[in-house]
Amino acid sequence: MEVRIGKAASGNTAILQLHGPLTLATLHLLEDALKAAAGWDLVIDVAGAPYVDSAGLGTILRQWSDSSKSGKLFAVVGVTPRIAMLLEITKVNTILPAFATAEEADRNFSAARSAAARA
């Protein structure tokens, strides 16, 4: 697996694009990328991940929780039918923020930041 790190148009969001299966064997690559993106709002793009196992899902959930606790925004994008089935079976789809694209997530994040600044 490969993880590419980029920035969204807003400049406030890191985007991690996964290419290859996210499994116990490849988890360290995502964890390294998450450390590199620490302190940013975060989008994990799973469109290029043909498979996510329970260890991979656990890492995504842990990052969602850590982001929430630190006041950062988090979302998963590019959910394929296979990954959608995993999220549905585990009921994670009811809590994990998901958008079709990284651009959509970034626009949502920008709107949330603006609303928070006005509050």
C-alpha atoms as a PDB file:
ATOM      1  CA  MET A   1       0.000   0.000   0.000  1.00  0.00           C
ATOM      2  CA  GLU A   2       1.027   3.599  -0.599  1.00  0.00           C
ATOM      3  CA  VAL A   3      -0.280   6.706   1.169  1.00  0.00           C
ATOM      4  CA  ARG A   4      -0.024  10.039  -0.619  1.00  0.00           C
ATOM      5  CA  ILE A   5      -0.395  13.199   1.446  1.00  0.00           C
ATOM      6  CA  GLY A   6      -1.825  16.342  -0.098  1.00  0.00           C
ATOM      7  CA  LYS A   7      -3.576  19.525   0.931  1.00  0.00           C
ATOM      8  CA  ALA A   8      -7.110  20.585   0.089  1.00  0.00           C
ATOM      9  CA  ALA A   9      -7.925  23.853  -1.674  1.00  0.00           C
ATOM     10  CA  SER A  10      -8.717  25.579   1.622  1.00  0.00           C
ATOM     11  CA  GLY A  11      -5.173  24.965   2.850  1.00  0.00           C
ATOM     12  CA  ASN A  12      -6.527  23.788   6.199  1.00  0.00           C
ATOM     13  CA  THR A  13      -7.120  20.131   5.420  1.00  0.00           C
ATOM     14  CA  ALA A  14      -4.674  17.299   4.854  1.00  0.00           C
ATOM     15  CA  ILE A  15      -5.806  14.597   2.439  1.00  0.00           C
ATOM     16  CA  LEU A  16      -4.400  11.089   2.756  1.00  0.00           C
ATOM     17  CA  GLN A  17      -4.987   9.043  -0.382  1.00  0.00           C
ATOM     18  CA  LEU A  18      -4.708   5.300   0.117  1.00  0.00           C
ATOM     19  CA  HIS A  19      -3.526   3.140  -2.779  1.00  0.00           C
ATOM     20  CA  GLY A  20      -3.681  -0.564  -2.022  1.00  0.00           C
ATOM     21  CA  PRO A  21      -5.267  -2.690   0.699  1.00  0.00           C
ATOM     22  CA  LEU A  22      -5.363  -1.318   4.238  1.00  0.00           C
ATOM     23  CA  THR A  23      -4.596  -4.320   6.423  1.00  0.00           C
ATOM     24  CA  LEU A  24      -2.689  -5.203   9.544  1.00  0.00           C
ATOM     25  CA  ALA A  25       0.391  -5.719   7.355  1.00  0.00           C
ATOM     26  CA  THR A  26       0.189  -2.224   5.796  1.00  0.00           C
ATOM     27  CA  LEU A  27      -1.150  -0.289   8.765  1.00  0.00           C
ATOM     28  CA  HIS A  28       2.207   1.233   9.652  1.00  0.00           C
ATOM     29  CA  LEU A  29       2.155   3.221   6.397  1.00  0.00           C
ATOM     30  CA  LEU A  30      -1.138   4.895   7.320  1.00  0.00           C
ATOM     31  CA  GLU A  31       0.019   5.478  10.884  1.00  0.00           C
ATOM     32  CA  ASP A  32       3.197   7.200   9.614  1.00  0.00           C
ATOM     33  CA  ALA A  33       1.117   9.425   7.329  1.00  0.00           C
ATOM     34  CA  LEU A  34      -1.264  10.259  10.186  1.00  0.00           C
ATOM     35  CA  LYS A  35       1.700  11.401  12.285  1.00  0.00           C
ATOM     36  CA  ALA A  36       2.892  13.587   9.407  1.00  0.00           C
ATOM     37  CA  ALA A  37      -0.586  15.145   9.135  1.00  0.00           C
ATOM     38  CA  ALA A  38      -0.991  15.747  12.880  1.00  0.00           C
ATOM     39  CA  GLY A  39      -2.607  19.060  13.734  1.00  0.00           C
ATOM     40  CA  TRP A  40      -4.582  19.345  10.483  1.00  0.00           C
ATOM     41  CA  ASP A  41      -8.214  18.687   9.716  1.00  0.00           C
ATOM     42  CA  LEU A  42      -8.075  15.349   7.964  1.00  0.00           C
ATOM     43  CA  VAL A  43      -9.633  13.495   5.049  1.00  0.00           C
ATOM     44  CA  ILE A  44      -8.803   9.858   4.375  1.00  0.00           C
ATOM     45  CA  ASP A  45      -9.543   8.951   0.755  1.00  0.00           C
ATOM     46  CA  VAL A  46     -10.158   5.201   0.498  1.00  0.00           C
ATOM     47  CA  ALA A  47     -11.139   5.155  -3.193  1.00  0.00           C
ATOM     48  CA  GLY A  48      -7.826   3.479  -4.060  1.00  0.00           C
ATOM     49  CA  ALA A  49      -8.068   0.890  -1.282  1.00  0.00           C
ATOM     50  CA  PRO A  50      -9.642  -2.275  -2.655  1.00  0.00           C
ATOM     51  CA  TYR A  51      -9.874  -3.774   0.812  1.00  0.00           C
ATOM     52  CA  VAL A  52      -9.892  -2.632   4.449  1.00  0.00           C
ATOM     53  CA  ASP A  53      -9.649  -5.214   7.230  1.00  0.00           C
ATOM     54  CA  SER A  54     -10.693  -4.816  10.865  1.00  0.00           C
ATOM     55  CA  ALA A  55      -7.274  -3.470  11.892  1.00  0.00           C
ATOM     56  CA  GLY A  56      -7.478  -0.816   9.175  1.00  0.00           C
ATOM     57  CA  LEU A  57     -10.992   0.132  10.205  1.00  0.00           C
ATOM     58  CA  GLY A  58      -9.845   0.348  13.820  1.00  0.00           C
ATOM     59  CA  THR A  59      -7.090   2.781  12.863  1.00  0.00           C
ATOM     60  CA  ILE A  60      -9.533   4.959  10.928  1.00  0.00           C
ATOM     61  CA  LEU A  61     -11.922   4.992  13.896  1.00  0.00           C
ATOM     62  CA  ARG A  62      -9.129   5.795  16.343  1.00  0.00           C
ATOM     63  CA  GLN A  63      -8.085   8.738  14.170  1.00  0.00           C
ATOM     64  CA  TRP A  64     -11.689   9.971  13.966  1.00  0.00           C
ATOM     65  CA  SER A  65     -11.878   9.832  17.770  1.00  0.00           C
ATOM     66  CA  ASP A  66      -8.503  11.543  18.233  1.00  0.00           C
ATOM     67  CA  SER A  67      -9.465  14.269  15.741  1.00  0.00           C
ATOM     68  CA  SER A  68     -12.746  14.881  17.532  1.00  0.00           C
ATOM     69  CA  LYS A  69     -11.046  15.114  20.924  1.00  0.00           C
ATOM     70  CA  SER A  70      -8.518  17.631  19.613  1.00  0.00           C
ATOM     71  CA  GLY A  71     -11.139  19.804  17.923  1.00  0.00           C
ATOM     72  CA  LYS A  72     -10.118  18.828  14.392  1.00  0.00           C
ATOM     73  CA  LEU A  73     -12.464  17.837  11.602  1.00  0.00           C
ATOM     74  CA  PHE A  74     -12.302  14.373  10.042  1.00  0.00           C
ATOM     75  CA  ALA A  75     -13.964  12.515   7.183  1.00  0.00           C
ATOM     76  CA  VAL A  76     -13.592   9.490   4.966  1.00  0.00           C
ATOM     77  CA  VAL A  77     -14.182   9.893   1.235  1.00  0.00           C
ATOM     78  CA  GLY A  78     -14.255   7.716  -1.847  1.00  0.00           C
ATOM     79  CA  VAL A  79     -16.010   4.830  -0.115  1.00  0.00           C
ATOM     80  CA  THR A  80     -16.307   1.940  -2.549  1.00  0.00           C
ATOM     81  CA  PRO A  81     -19.195  -0.552  -2.415  1.00  0.00           C
ATOM     82  CA  ARG A  82     -16.971  -3.126  -0.704  1.00  0.00           C
ATOM     83  CA  ILE A  83     -15.845  -0.692   1.992  1.00  0.00           C
ATOM     84  CA  ALA A  84     -19.408   0.655   2.320  1.00  0.00           C
ATOM     85  CA  MET A  85     -20.520  -2.886   3.131  1.00  0.00           C
ATOM     86  CA  LEU A  86     -17.878  -3.125   5.885  1.00  0.00           C
ATOM     87  CA  LEU A  87     -19.011   0.204   7.336  1.00  0.00           C
ATOM     88  CA  GLU A  88     -22.647  -0.878   7.197  1.00  0.00           C
ATOM     89  CA  ILE A  89     -22.090  -4.313   8.756  1.00  0.00           C
ATOM     90  CA  THR A  90     -20.112  -2.786  11.625  1.00  0.00           C
ATOM     91  CA  LYS A  91     -22.598   0.141  11.945  1.00  0.00           C
ATOM     92  CA  VAL A  92     -19.677   2.548  11.595  1.00  0.00           C
ATOM     93  CA  ASN A  93     -21.563   4.257   8.778  1.00  0.00           C
ATOM     94  CA  THR A  94     -23.875   5.729  11.423  1.00  0.00           C
ATOM     95  CA  ILE A  95     -21.092   7.689  13.145  1.00  0.00           C
ATOM     96  CA  LEU A  96     -18.179   8.149  10.732  1.00  0.00           C
ATOM     97  CA  PRO A  97     -18.384  11.353   8.658  1.00  0.00           C
ATOM     98  CA  ALA A  98     -18.234  10.420   4.964  1.00  0.00           C
ATOM     99  CA  PHE A  99     -18.404  12.404   1.735  1.00  0.00           C
ATOM    100  CA  ALA A 100     -18.186  11.470  -1.921  1.00  0.00           C
ATOM    101  CA  THR A 101     -15.002  13.478  -2.571  1.00  0.00           C
ATOM    102  CA  ALA A 102     -12.227  15.267  -0.715  1.00  0.00           C
ATOM    103  CA  GLU A 103     -13.394  18.538  -2.255  1.00  0.00           C
ATOM    104  CA  GLU A 104     -16.875  18.054  -0.800  1.00  0.00           C
ATOM    105  CA  ALA A 105     -15.421  17.265   2.635  1.00  0.00           C
ATOM    106  CA  ASP A 106     -13.162  20.330   2.486  1.00  0.00           C
ATOM    107  CA  ARG A 107     -16.119  22.582   1.572  1.00  0.00           C
ATOM    108  CA  ASN A 108     -18.044  21.113   4.510  1.00  0.00           C
ATOM    109  CA  PHE A 109     -15.060  21.691   6.804  1.00  0.00           C
ATOM    110  CA  SER A 110     -14.745  25.315   5.606  1.00  0.00           C
ATOM    111  CA  ALA A 111     -18.442  25.902   6.311  1.00  0.00           C
ATOM    112  CA  ALA A 112     -18.077  24.341   9.781  1.00  0.00           C
ATOM    113  CA  ARG A 113     -15.040  26.537  10.526  1.00  0.00           C
ATOM    114  CA  SER A 114     -16.944  29.654   9.407  1.00  0.00           C
ATOM    115  CA  ALA A 115     -19.948  28.741  11.544  1.00  0.00           C
ATOM    116  CA  ALA A 116     -17.714  28.138  14.559  1.00  0.00           C
ATOM    117  CA  ALA A 117     -15.973  31.478  14.059  1.00  0.00           C
ATOM    118  CA  ARG A 118     -19.339  33.278  14.003  1.00  0.00           C
ATOM    119  CA  ALA A 119     -20.522  31.533  17.179  1.00  0.00           C
END
